[in-house]
Amino acid sequence: MKRTSLRDMNCSIAQTLEVVGDPWTLLIVRDLMFGLHRFNDIQASLGIPRNTLTSRLDMLVAEGVAHKVAYQTHPERFDYHLTTKGRDLSPVIITIMQWGDRWSRLPEPPVRLLEHPTGRQLDPHLVDRRTGTPLDDIDYRPVRQSAGP
């Protein structure tokens, strides 16, 4: 089933979902973020069909979310790594993971985030960058910007 493009919507969330709105795509970004870089490793981790993984990786490279680095020439093989644009998705992935840890039917979280090299368990939280105030403690609302001329 072909999904409707969100490319023309004047919405940052819609624009983001146009790139990473497919569940496989976010899971691929998660695997790249967690240190898997080879096609076969990502495929084994996800159980994703090869053609689906190929098309999602090609799209992530085309969108500048990931880049590929050749590690073998005959046959040609690549490692995939997140770019700065891709690494900027880390808070999104972590927030989705935390939501799933709280609201999924899993008996306990399958992954913990540990500080390297201390091994201290992290408990990430969204804060206002200017004040350091947790967003949960701020009464905020979205305000649409004018579209301009």
N, C-alpha and C. Protein backbone atom coordinates (compact mmCIF):
# COMPACT_ATOMS: atom_id res chain seq x y z
N MET A 1 0.84 -1.18 0.00
CA MET A 1 0.00 0.00 0.00
C MET A 1 0.88 1.24 0.00
N LYS A 2 0.70 2.10 -0.97
CA LYS A 2 1.46 3.34 -1.10
C LYS A 2 0.87 4.37 -0.14
N ARG A 3 1.74 5.01 0.64
CA ARG A 3 1.23 6.01 1.56
C ARG A 3 1.27 7.39 0.92
N THR A 4 0.43 8.26 1.42
CA THR A 4 0.35 9.62 0.92
C THR A 4 1.59 10.41 1.33
N SER A 5 2.14 11.15 0.40
CA SER A 5 3.32 11.97 0.69
C SER A 5 2.92 13.14 1.58
N LEU A 6 3.79 13.43 2.54
CA LEU A 6 3.60 14.57 3.44
C LEU A 6 4.53 15.72 3.08
N ARG A 7 5.25 15.57 1.98
CA ARG A 7 6.31 16.51 1.58
C ARG A 7 5.84 17.95 1.46
N ASP A 8 4.59 18.17 1.06
CA ASP A 8 4.11 19.54 0.84
C ASP A 8 3.42 20.14 2.05
N MET A 9 3.32 19.40 3.15
CA MET A 9 2.68 19.94 4.35
C MET A 9 3.60 20.94 5.04
N ASN A 10 3.03 22.04 5.49
CA ASN A 10 3.79 23.06 6.22
C ASN A 10 3.81 22.69 7.70
N CYS A 11 4.55 21.62 8.00
CA CYS A 11 4.59 21.09 9.36
C CYS A 11 5.92 20.35 9.54
N SER A 12 6.67 20.72 10.56
CA SER A 12 7.97 20.08 10.80
C SER A 12 7.83 18.60 11.09
N ILE A 13 6.77 18.22 11.79
CA ILE A 13 6.54 16.81 12.09
C ILE A 13 6.27 16.04 10.81
N ALA A 14 5.42 16.60 9.94
CA ALA A 14 5.13 15.95 8.66
C ALA A 14 6.39 15.82 7.81
N GLN A 15 7.21 16.86 7.79
CA GLN A 15 8.45 16.82 7.02
C GLN A 15 9.39 15.74 7.55
N THR A 16 9.45 15.60 8.87
CA THR A 16 10.28 14.56 9.48
C THR A 16 9.75 13.18 9.15
N LEU A 17 8.43 13.01 9.26
CA LEU A 17 7.82 11.71 8.96
C LEU A 17 7.98 11.31 7.50
N GLU A 18 8.12 12.29 6.62
CA GLU A 18 8.37 11.99 5.22
C GLU A 18 9.69 11.24 5.06
N VAL A 19 10.64 11.52 5.94
CA VAL A 19 11.95 10.86 5.88
C VAL A 19 11.97 9.60 6.74
N VAL A 20 11.50 9.66 7.98
CA VAL A 20 11.66 8.55 8.93
C VAL A 20 10.33 7.99 9.43
N GLY A 21 9.25 8.24 8.73
CA GLY A 21 7.93 7.81 9.20
C GLY A 21 7.63 6.33 9.01
N ASP A 22 8.40 5.66 8.21
CA ASP A 22 8.22 4.23 8.02
C ASP A 22 8.85 3.50 9.20
N PRO A 23 8.15 2.54 9.82
CA PRO A 23 8.72 1.85 10.99
C PRO A 23 10.09 1.22 10.73
N TRP A 24 10.29 0.61 9.55
CA TRP A 24 11.59 0.00 9.27
C TRP A 24 12.70 1.05 9.32
N THR A 25 12.40 2.25 8.81
CA THR A 25 13.42 3.29 8.73
C THR A 25 13.89 3.69 10.12
N LEU A 26 12.97 3.90 11.05
CA LEU A 26 13.38 4.27 12.41
C LEU A 26 14.14 3.13 13.08
N LEU A 27 13.76 1.90 12.80
CA LEU A 27 14.50 0.77 13.38
C LEU A 27 15.90 0.67 12.80
N ILE A 28 16.06 0.99 11.54
CA ILE A 28 17.40 1.02 10.93
C ILE A 28 18.24 2.12 11.57
N VAL A 29 17.65 3.30 11.74
CA VAL A 29 18.36 4.39 12.41
C VAL A 29 18.75 3.96 13.82
N ARG A 30 17.83 3.30 14.53
CA ARG A 30 18.15 2.78 15.88
C ARG A 30 19.35 1.85 15.84
N ASP A 31 19.35 0.90 14.89
CA ASP A 31 20.47 -0.04 14.80
C ASP A 31 21.78 0.66 14.48
N LEU A 32 21.75 1.65 13.58
CA LEU A 32 22.96 2.42 13.28
C LEU A 32 23.41 3.18 14.52
N MET A 33 22.47 3.75 15.25
CA MET A 33 22.78 4.49 16.47
C MET A 33 23.39 3.58 17.53
N PHE A 34 22.92 2.33 17.58
CA PHE A 34 23.40 1.38 18.59
C PHE A 34 24.62 0.59 18.12
N GLY A 35 25.21 0.97 16.97
CA GLY A 35 26.50 0.41 16.58
C GLY A 35 26.50 -0.67 15.51
N LEU A 36 25.37 -0.98 14.92
CA LEU A 36 25.38 -1.91 13.79
C LEU A 36 25.61 -1.09 12.53
N HIS A 37 26.54 -1.52 11.69
CA HIS A 37 26.89 -0.72 10.51
C HIS A 37 26.89 -1.52 9.21
N ARG A 38 26.90 -2.84 9.29
CA ARG A 38 26.95 -3.65 8.09
C ARG A 38 25.55 -4.15 7.72
N PHE A 39 25.32 -4.18 6.41
CA PHE A 39 24.03 -4.58 5.87
C PHE A 39 23.54 -5.89 6.50
N ASN A 40 24.40 -6.93 6.47
CA ASN A 40 23.99 -8.24 6.98
C ASN A 40 23.68 -8.21 8.48
N ASP A 41 24.41 -7.40 9.24
CA ASP A 41 24.14 -7.29 10.67
C ASP A 41 22.80 -6.61 10.94
N ILE A 42 22.51 -5.56 10.17
CA ILE A 42 21.23 -4.86 10.32
C ILE A 42 20.10 -5.78 9.91
N GLN A 43 20.28 -6.49 8.80
CA GLN A 43 19.24 -7.42 8.34
C GLN A 43 18.98 -8.50 9.38
N ALA A 44 20.03 -9.05 9.96
CA ALA A 44 19.87 -10.10 10.97
C ALA A 44 19.18 -9.55 12.22
N SER A 45 19.53 -8.34 12.61
CA SER A 45 18.93 -7.73 13.79
C SER A 45 17.43 -7.53 13.62
N LEU A 46 17.03 -7.09 12.43
CA LEU A 46 15.63 -6.73 12.19
C LEU A 46 14.79 -7.83 11.56
N GLY A 47 15.45 -8.78 10.88
CA GLY A 47 14.68 -9.76 10.13
C GLY A 47 13.95 -9.12 8.95
N ILE A 48 14.50 -8.04 8.44
CA ILE A 48 13.91 -7.26 7.36
C ILE A 48 14.26 -7.88 6.01
N PRO A 49 13.34 -7.88 5.05
CA PRO A 49 13.68 -8.36 3.71
C PRO A 49 14.82 -7.52 3.10
N ARG A 50 15.71 -8.18 2.35
CA ARG A 50 16.88 -7.51 1.78
C ARG A 50 16.49 -6.32 0.90
N ASN A 51 15.46 -6.49 0.07
CA ASN A 51 15.07 -5.40 -0.82
C ASN A 51 14.52 -4.21 -0.03
N THR A 52 13.83 -4.48 1.05
CA THR A 52 13.31 -3.39 1.89
C THR A 52 14.45 -2.66 2.57
N LEU A 53 15.42 -3.42 3.11
CA LEU A 53 16.57 -2.80 3.75
C LEU A 53 17.37 -1.97 2.75
N THR A 54 17.57 -2.50 1.57
CA THR A 54 18.30 -1.77 0.53
C THR A 54 17.61 -0.45 0.21
N SER A 55 16.30 -0.47 0.01
CA SER A 55 15.60 0.76 -0.36
C SER A 55 15.61 1.77 0.78
N ARG A 56 15.48 1.30 2.02
CA ARG A 56 15.49 2.24 3.17
C ARG A 56 16.89 2.82 3.37
N LEU A 57 17.94 2.00 3.25
CA LEU A 57 19.30 2.54 3.38
C LEU A 57 19.61 3.52 2.25
N ASP A 58 19.19 3.20 1.03
CA ASP A 58 19.40 4.13 -0.09
C ASP A 58 18.71 5.46 0.17
N MET A 59 17.50 5.42 0.71
CA MET A 59 16.76 6.64 1.01
C MET A 59 17.46 7.44 2.12
N LEU A 60 17.93 6.74 3.17
CA LEU A 60 18.62 7.43 4.26
C LEU A 60 19.90 8.10 3.76
N VAL A 61 20.61 7.45 2.85
CA VAL A 61 21.81 8.05 2.26
C VAL A 61 21.41 9.25 1.40
N ALA A 62 20.38 9.10 0.56
CA ALA A 62 19.93 10.20 -0.31
C ALA A 62 19.46 11.40 0.50
N GLU A 63 18.86 11.16 1.66
CA GLU A 63 18.36 12.25 2.51
C GLU A 63 19.44 12.83 3.40
N GLY A 64 20.64 12.27 3.38
CA GLY A 64 21.73 12.79 4.19
C GLY A 64 21.67 12.39 5.65
N VAL A 65 20.88 11.36 5.96
CA VAL A 65 20.76 10.86 7.33
C VAL A 65 21.89 9.87 7.63
N ALA A 66 22.32 9.16 6.61
CA ALA A 66 23.41 8.19 6.75
C ALA A 66 24.35 8.36 5.56
N HIS A 67 25.56 7.85 5.72
CA HIS A 67 26.48 7.80 4.60
C HIS A 67 27.10 6.40 4.60
N LYS A 68 27.57 6.01 3.44
CA LYS A 68 28.17 4.68 3.35
C LYS A 68 29.65 4.79 3.04
N VAL A 69 30.38 3.82 3.60
CA VAL A 69 31.82 3.77 3.45
C VAL A 69 32.18 2.37 2.97
N ALA A 70 32.86 2.28 1.84
CA ALA A 70 33.24 0.98 1.30
C ALA A 70 34.26 0.31 2.22
N TYR A 71 34.03 -0.95 2.52
CA TYR A 71 35.02 -1.71 3.29
C TYR A 71 35.53 -2.91 2.49
N GLN A 72 34.95 -3.15 1.31
CA GLN A 72 35.38 -4.26 0.46
C GLN A 72 35.04 -3.88 -0.98
N THR A 73 35.93 -4.24 -1.91
CA THR A 73 35.70 -3.85 -3.30
C THR A 73 35.17 -4.98 -4.19
N HIS A 74 35.54 -6.23 -3.91
CA HIS A 74 35.11 -7.35 -4.77
C HIS A 74 34.52 -8.45 -3.92
N PRO A 75 33.24 -8.59 -3.79
CA PRO A 75 32.20 -7.68 -4.27
C PRO A 75 32.15 -6.42 -3.40
N GLU A 76 31.59 -5.37 -3.96
CA GLU A 76 31.52 -4.11 -3.26
C GLU A 76 30.59 -4.23 -2.04
N ARG A 77 31.10 -3.83 -0.87
CA ARG A 77 30.35 -3.88 0.39
C ARG A 77 30.58 -2.57 1.14
N PHE A 78 29.56 -2.16 1.89
CA PHE A 78 29.62 -0.87 2.58
C PHE A 78 29.24 -1.01 4.05
N ASP A 79 29.85 -0.15 4.85
CA ASP A 79 29.37 0.14 6.20
C ASP A 79 28.47 1.36 6.08
N TYR A 80 27.46 1.45 6.93
CA TYR A 80 26.56 2.59 6.97
C TYR A 80 26.72 3.27 8.32
N HIS A 81 26.86 4.59 8.30
CA HIS A 81 27.04 5.37 9.52
C HIS A 81 26.10 6.57 9.48
N LEU A 82 25.64 6.98 10.65
CA LEU A 82 24.81 8.17 10.74
C LEU A 82 25.66 9.41 10.50
N THR A 83 25.08 10.36 9.80
CA THR A 83 25.69 11.69 9.64
C THR A 83 25.28 12.52 10.86
N THR A 84 25.70 13.75 10.90
CA THR A 84 25.25 14.66 11.97
C THR A 84 23.72 14.75 11.94
N LYS A 85 23.16 14.85 10.76
CA LYS A 85 21.70 14.89 10.62
C LYS A 85 21.08 13.62 11.20
N GLY A 86 21.68 12.49 10.95
CA GLY A 86 21.17 11.23 11.49
C GLY A 86 21.34 11.13 13.00
N ARG A 87 22.52 11.56 13.49
CA ARG A 87 22.75 11.53 14.95
C ARG A 87 21.78 12.45 15.68
N ASP A 88 21.32 13.50 15.01
CA ASP A 88 20.34 14.40 15.62
C ASP A 88 18.99 13.71 15.87
N LEU A 89 18.80 12.52 15.31
CA LEU A 89 17.59 11.73 15.60
C LEU A 89 17.71 10.96 16.91
N SER A 90 18.89 10.92 17.53
CA SER A 90 19.08 10.16 18.76
C SER A 90 18.07 10.51 19.85
N PRO A 91 17.82 11.80 20.14
CA PRO A 91 16.82 12.09 21.17
C PRO A 91 15.42 11.59 20.80
N VAL A 92 15.11 11.59 19.51
CA VAL A 92 13.81 11.08 19.06
C VAL A 92 13.72 9.58 19.34
N ILE A 93 14.75 8.84 18.96
CA ILE A 93 14.78 7.39 19.17
C ILE A 93 14.72 7.08 20.67
N ILE A 94 15.49 7.81 21.46
CA ILE A 94 15.50 7.57 22.91
C ILE A 94 14.15 7.88 23.53
N THR A 95 13.51 8.96 23.10
CA THR A 95 12.20 9.31 23.62
C THR A 95 11.16 8.26 23.24
N ILE A 96 11.20 7.78 22.01
CA ILE A 96 10.27 6.71 21.59
C ILE A 96 10.54 5.46 22.41
N MET A 97 11.81 5.14 22.64
CA MET A 97 12.17 3.98 23.45
C MET A 97 11.62 4.12 24.87
N GLN A 98 11.78 5.30 25.47
CA GLN A 98 11.28 5.52 26.83
C GLN A 98 9.76 5.39 26.88
N TRP A 99 9.08 5.91 25.87
CA TRP A 99 7.63 5.80 25.81
C TRP A 99 7.24 4.32 25.74
N GLY A 100 7.94 3.57 24.88
CA GLY A 100 7.68 2.13 24.77
C GLY A 100 7.99 1.38 26.05
N ASP A 101 9.06 1.77 26.75
CA ASP A 101 9.39 1.14 28.03
C ASP A 101 8.25 1.34 29.02
N ARG A 102 7.63 2.50 28.97
CA ARG A 102 6.55 2.80 29.93
C ARG A 102 5.22 2.18 29.51
N TRP A 103 4.90 2.20 28.21
CA TRP A 103 3.54 1.88 27.78
C TRP A 103 3.39 0.58 27.01
N SER A 104 4.47 -0.08 26.63
CA SER A 104 4.32 -1.35 25.89
C SER A 104 3.94 -2.46 26.86
N ARG A 105 3.63 -3.59 26.31
CA ARG A 105 3.27 -4.75 27.12
C ARG A 105 4.47 -5.59 27.53
N LEU A 106 5.67 -5.12 27.25
CA LEU A 106 6.87 -5.87 27.64
C LEU A 106 7.00 -5.87 29.16
N PRO A 107 7.42 -6.99 29.74
CA PRO A 107 7.51 -7.05 31.20
C PRO A 107 8.57 -6.11 31.78
N GLU A 108 9.64 -5.88 31.03
CA GLU A 108 10.65 -4.91 31.44
C GLU A 108 11.37 -4.39 30.21
N PRO A 109 11.99 -3.21 30.32
CA PRO A 109 12.68 -2.65 29.15
C PRO A 109 13.77 -3.58 28.63
N PRO A 110 13.80 -3.80 27.30
CA PRO A 110 14.80 -4.70 26.73
C PRO A 110 16.18 -4.07 26.58
N VAL A 111 16.27 -2.74 26.68
CA VAL A 111 17.54 -2.04 26.49
C VAL A 111 17.69 -0.98 27.58
N ARG A 112 18.89 -0.87 28.11
CA ARG A 112 19.21 0.22 29.04
C ARG A 112 20.29 1.08 28.40
N LEU A 113 20.27 2.35 28.68
CA LEU A 113 21.31 3.24 28.20
C LEU A 113 22.33 3.43 29.31
N LEU A 114 23.59 3.11 29.00
CA LEU A 114 24.65 3.21 29.99
C LEU A 114 25.70 4.22 29.53
N GLU A 115 26.19 5.01 30.46
CA GLU A 115 27.27 5.94 30.16
C GLU A 115 28.55 5.14 29.95
N HIS A 116 29.26 5.49 28.87
CA HIS A 116 30.53 4.82 28.60
C HIS A 116 31.63 5.73 29.08
N PRO A 117 32.61 5.37 29.82
CA PRO A 117 32.97 4.02 30.24
C PRO A 117 32.54 3.67 31.67
N THR A 118 31.78 4.54 32.35
CA THR A 118 31.48 4.30 33.77
C THR A 118 30.46 3.19 33.99
N GLY A 119 29.58 2.96 32.99
CA GLY A 119 28.54 1.96 33.15
C GLY A 119 27.33 2.47 33.93
N ARG A 120 27.35 3.75 34.29
CA ARG A 120 26.22 4.34 35.01
C ARG A 120 24.98 4.35 34.11
N GLN A 121 23.84 3.89 34.64
CA GLN A 121 22.61 3.88 33.86
C GLN A 121 22.09 5.31 33.71
N LEU A 122 21.72 5.66 32.48
CA LEU A 122 21.20 6.99 32.20
C LEU A 122 19.69 7.02 32.28
N ASP A 123 19.16 8.18 32.61
CA ASP A 123 17.73 8.42 32.63
C ASP A 123 17.49 9.74 31.91
N PRO A 124 17.52 9.72 30.55
CA PRO A 124 17.40 10.96 29.78
C PRO A 124 16.05 11.65 30.03
N HIS A 125 16.08 12.98 29.90
CA HIS A 125 14.89 13.77 30.11
C HIS A 125 14.97 15.02 29.24
N LEU A 126 13.87 15.40 28.61
CA LEU A 126 13.86 16.60 27.77
C LEU A 126 13.81 17.85 28.64
N VAL A 127 14.69 18.80 28.33
CA VAL A 127 14.71 20.06 29.07
C VAL A 127 14.78 21.22 28.08
N ASP A 128 14.37 22.39 28.57
CA ASP A 128 14.55 23.61 27.80
C ASP A 128 16.04 23.93 27.78
N ARG A 129 16.60 24.10 26.60
CA ARG A 129 18.04 24.31 26.45
C ARG A 129 18.51 25.58 27.17
N ARG A 130 17.70 26.64 27.16
CA ARG A 130 18.13 27.91 27.75
C ARG A 130 18.11 27.89 29.28
N THR A 131 17.10 27.23 29.87
CA THR A 131 16.95 27.30 31.33
C THR A 131 17.28 26.00 32.04
N GLY A 132 17.30 24.88 31.29
CA GLY A 132 17.52 23.59 31.92
C GLY A 132 16.28 23.06 32.62
N THR A 133 15.16 23.74 32.48
CA THR A 133 13.91 23.32 33.12
C THR A 133 13.31 22.14 32.36
N PRO A 134 12.95 21.06 33.06
CA PRO A 134 12.29 19.94 32.38
C PRO A 134 11.01 20.39 31.69
N LEU A 135 10.78 19.90 30.47
CA LEU A 135 9.57 20.27 29.75
C LEU A 135 8.31 19.89 30.51
N ASP A 136 8.37 18.80 31.28
CA ASP A 136 7.22 18.40 32.09
C ASP A 136 6.81 19.48 33.08
N ASP A 137 7.75 20.36 33.45
CA ASP A 137 7.49 21.40 34.45
C ASP A 137 7.13 22.75 33.83
N ILE A 138 7.00 22.80 32.51
CA ILE A 138 6.71 24.05 31.81
C ILE A 138 5.31 23.96 31.21
N ASP A 139 4.53 25.01 31.39
CA ASP A 139 3.22 25.11 30.74
C ASP A 139 3.47 25.74 29.37
N TYR A 140 3.57 24.91 28.34
CA TYR A 140 3.90 25.41 27.01
C TYR A 140 2.77 25.11 26.04
N ARG A 141 2.78 25.82 24.92
CA ARG A 141 1.80 25.61 23.87
C ARG A 141 2.44 25.92 22.53
N PRO A 142 2.02 25.22 21.49
CA PRO A 142 2.55 25.53 20.16
C PRO A 142 1.89 26.81 19.61
N VAL A 143 2.66 27.62 18.94
CA VAL A 143 2.15 28.83 18.30
C VAL A 143 2.60 28.78 16.85
N ARG A 144 1.65 28.81 15.94
CA ARG A 144 1.99 28.76 14.51
C ARG A 144 2.67 30.05 14.09
N GLN A 145 3.73 29.90 13.31
CA GLN A 145 4.41 31.04 12.74
C GLN A 145 3.63 31.48 11.50
N SER A 146 3.65 32.76 11.20
CA SER A 146 2.97 33.20 9.99
C SER A 146 3.70 32.63 8.79
N ALA A 147 2.95 32.34 7.75
CA ALA A 147 3.52 31.71 6.55
C ALA A 147 4.42 32.67 5.78
N GLY A 148 4.25 33.95 5.97
CA GLY A 148 5.08 34.93 5.25
C GLY A 148 4.57 35.17 3.85
N PRO A 149 5.23 36.10 3.12
CA PRO A 149 4.75 36.42 1.75
C PRO A 149 4.96 35.31 0.77
